[in-house]
Protein backbone atom coordinates (compact mmCIF):
# COMPACT_ATOMS: atom_id res chain seq x y z
CA UNK A 1 0.40 0.23 -0.13
CA UNK A 2 2.62 2.41 0.67
CA UNK A 3 4.47 2.07 -2.88
CA UNK A 4 1.09 2.28 -4.12
CA UNK A 5 1.24 5.87 -2.58
CA UNK A 6 4.59 6.35 -3.13
CA UNK A 7 3.93 6.14 -7.34
CA UNK A 8 0.79 8.15 -6.77
CA UNK A 9 2.66 10.97 -5.48
CA UNK A 10 5.59 10.75 -7.98
CA UNK A 11 2.76 10.90 -11.06
CA UNK A 12 1.59 13.52 -9.31
CA UNK A 13 4.08 16.17 -10.00
CA UNK A 14 5.19 18.51 -8.04
CA UNK A 15 2.56 20.83 -6.24
CA UNK A 16 2.79 24.56 -5.08
CA UNK A 17 2.30 23.50 -1.88
CA UNK A 18 5.57 21.60 -1.99
CA UNK A 19 7.26 24.60 -3.55
CA UNK A 20 5.88 27.19 -0.68
CA UNK A 21 7.27 25.00 1.46
CA UNK A 22 11.20 25.17 0.12
CA UNK A 23 10.91 28.75 -0.56
CA UNK A 24 9.18 29.99 2.91
CA UNK A 25 12.06 28.83 4.89
CA UNK A 26 14.82 30.54 2.54
CA UNK A 27 12.55 33.43 2.31
CA UNK A 28 12.68 33.41 6.52
CA UNK A 29 16.65 33.16 6.65
CA UNK A 30 17.28 35.78 3.97
CA UNK A 31 14.67 38.25 5.78
CA UNK A 32 16.59 37.41 9.56
CA UNK A 33 20.27 38.15 7.30
CA UNK A 34 19.20 41.15 5.75
CA UNK A 35 18.33 42.33 9.26
CA UNK A 36 20.94 41.52 11.16
CA UNK A 37 23.08 43.38 7.90
CA UNK A 38 20.71 46.43 8.21
CA UNK A 39 20.96 45.90 12.34
CA UNK A 40 25.15 46.12 12.40
CA UNK A 41 25.11 48.72 9.66
CA UNK A 42 23.11 51.22 11.68
CA UNK A 43 25.54 49.97 14.84
CA UNK A 44 28.49 51.10 13.23
CA UNK A 45 27.23 54.29 11.97
CA UNK A 46 26.53 55.25 15.52
CA UNK A 47 29.32 54.23 17.05
CA UNK A 48 31.57 55.82 13.99
CA UNK A 49 29.33 59.34 15.36
CA UNK A 50 30.14 58.55 18.56
CA UNK A 51 33.97 58.59 18.11
CA UNK A 52 33.14 61.66 15.69
CA UNK A 53 31.33 63.85 18.17
CA UNK A 54 33.80 62.05 21.31
CA UNK A 55 36.83 63.96 19.17
CA UNK A 56 35.00 67.47 18.39
CA UNK A 57 34.12 67.76 22.03
CA UNK A 58 38.23 67.33 23.44
CA UNK A 59 39.01 70.04 20.88
CA UNK A 60 35.82 72.39 22.16
CA UNK A 61 37.14 72.01 25.89
CA UNK A 62 40.98 72.75 24.56
CA UNK A 63 39.69 75.66 23.22
CA UNK A 64 37.53 76.63 26.82
CA UNK A 65 40.76 76.23 28.52
CA UNK A 66 41.39 79.54 28.02
CA UNK A 67 38.53 81.01 30.04
CA UNK A 68 38.71 78.40 32.74
CA UNK A 69 42.57 80.56 32.85
CA UNK A 70 41.40 83.84 33.11
CA UNK A 71 38.99 83.18 35.38
CA UNK A 72 40.50 81.04 37.48
CA UNK A 73 39.60 81.59 41.51
CA UNK A 74 43.09 82.26 42.41
CA UNK A 75 46.39 82.37 42.25
CA UNK A 76 47.24 79.39 44.35
CA UNK A 77 49.75 76.53 43.08
CA UNK A 78 47.31 73.83 43.26
CA UNK A 79 44.84 75.45 41.14
CA UNK A 80 47.88 76.33 38.73
CA UNK A 81 48.69 72.01 38.73
CA UNK A 82 44.68 71.48 37.92
CA UNK A 83 44.98 73.28 35.06
CA UNK A 84 48.03 72.65 33.51
CA UNK A 85 47.21 69.03 34.46
CA UNK A 86 43.07 69.51 32.17
CA UNK A 87 45.45 70.90 29.81
CA UNK A 88 47.81 67.80 29.78
CA UNK A 89 44.90 65.68 29.70
CA UNK A 90 43.53 67.36 26.58
CA UNK A 91 46.15 67.17 24.84
CA UNK A 92 46.38 63.33 25.16
CA UNK A 93 42.71 62.85 24.90
CA UNK A 94 43.64 64.94 22.22
CA UNK A 95 46.51 62.77 20.53
CA UNK A 96 44.49 59.07 21.18
CA UNK A 97 41.10 60.69 19.11
CA UNK A 98 43.57 61.74 16.05
CA UNK A 99 45.65 57.78 16.33
CA UNK A 100 41.99 56.45 16.67
CA UNK A 101 40.49 58.50 13.64
CA UNK A 102 43.67 57.00 11.48
CA UNK A 103 42.96 54.03 12.11
CA UNK A 104 38.62 53.69 12.13
CA UNK A 105 38.26 56.78 9.40
CA UNK A 106 41.25 57.42 7.52
CA UNK A 107 39.76 60.37 5.76
CA UNK A 108 38.91 62.08 8.46
CA UNK A 109 42.43 62.24 9.95
CA UNK A 110 44.27 64.60 8.52
CA UNK A 111 41.16 67.43 8.98
CA UNK A 112 41.15 66.42 12.24
CA UNK A 113 45.02 67.28 12.78
CA UNK A 114 44.09 70.58 10.72
CA UNK A 115 41.48 71.11 13.34
CA UNK A 116 43.60 70.36 16.51
CA UNK A 117 46.80 71.79 15.40
CA UNK A 118 45.13 75.04 14.54
CA UNK A 119 43.28 75.02 17.79
CA UNK A 120 46.35 74.81 19.77
CA UNK A 121 48.05 77.00 18.02
CA UNK A 122 44.99 79.90 18.98
CA UNK A 123 43.68 79.10 22.07
CA UNK A 124 47.32 77.94 23.34
CA UNK A 125 48.29 81.44 22.48
CA UNK A 126 45.56 82.97 24.49
CA UNK A 127 46.41 80.66 27.49
CA UNK A 128 49.80 82.44 27.58
CA UNK A 129 47.81 85.46 28.23
CA UNK A 130 45.46 84.40 30.05
CA UNK A 131 47.95 83.33 32.99
CA UNK A 132 49.23 87.01 33.11
CA UNK A 133 46.17 88.36 33.55
CA UNK A 134 45.10 89.92 36.68
CA UNK A 135 42.77 87.62 38.86
CA UNK A 136 38.69 88.73 38.33
CA UNK A 137 38.53 89.61 42.12
CA UNK A 138 34.21 90.47 41.08
CA UNK A 139 31.02 88.14 39.37
CA UNK A 140 31.03 91.35 37.17
CA UNK A 141 34.36 90.42 35.60
CA UNK A 142 33.20 87.02 35.18
CA UNK A 143 31.71 88.12 32.05
CA UNK A 144 34.83 89.19 29.76
CA UNK A 145 33.24 91.03 27.40
CA UNK A 146 35.06 89.99 24.13
CA UNK A 147 35.52 86.20 23.16
CA UNK A 148 39.04 85.02 22.05
CA UNK A 149 38.86 84.48 18.27
CA UNK A 150 38.43 80.98 16.75
CA UNK A 151 37.60 82.28 13.58
CA UNK A 152 40.38 79.99 12.84
CA UNK A 153 39.28 76.64 14.86
CA UNK A 154 36.36 77.81 13.44
CA UNK A 155 36.79 77.12 9.81
CA UNK A 156 38.95 74.03 10.26
CA UNK A 157 36.20 72.51 12.74
CA UNK A 158 33.42 72.93 9.38
CA UNK A 159 35.88 71.32 7.35
CA UNK A 160 36.53 68.65 9.36
CA UNK A 161 32.37 68.13 10.63
CA UNK A 162 32.03 68.21 6.69
CA UNK A 163 34.15 65.63 6.58
CA UNK A 164 33.11 63.76 8.50
CA UNK A 165 29.36 63.83 7.65
CA UNK A 166 30.45 62.26 4.69
CA UNK A 167 32.01 59.05 6.85
CA UNK A 168 28.82 58.81 8.50
């Protein structure tokens, strides 16, 4: 009896139900793979965007150091040591991000290096001047009036951000 049923099934030919039974698992597997690949791409993009933002943040913190120095609360060796340690830490973090970008996003490394060099030149000179200024004695003195110029750093930052956008 089983032999007759097998012979009848063979004579019948291939059915759409059998085709669907084979195709559906392949479509599901392909869909799962596609979803996984798209999720991984989104994760990589988010990680790269975070890397870029952290690299830019360090430069911004460095550009703020002339203000921190100018507004220092007192002229003690502890305060001087703290501020110079912060500057050293920022320089180390900028060097870290330069190396990381050379590895992770080489097209961004050169514009970022230019941004760092420009920021160091501008803010470095401004920090030197800030150390020579007298301490601020009043709350109203905390408003320095005119900002330190950052024209070159702003231009280098715009170029760097443009390249970062292209890499995302």
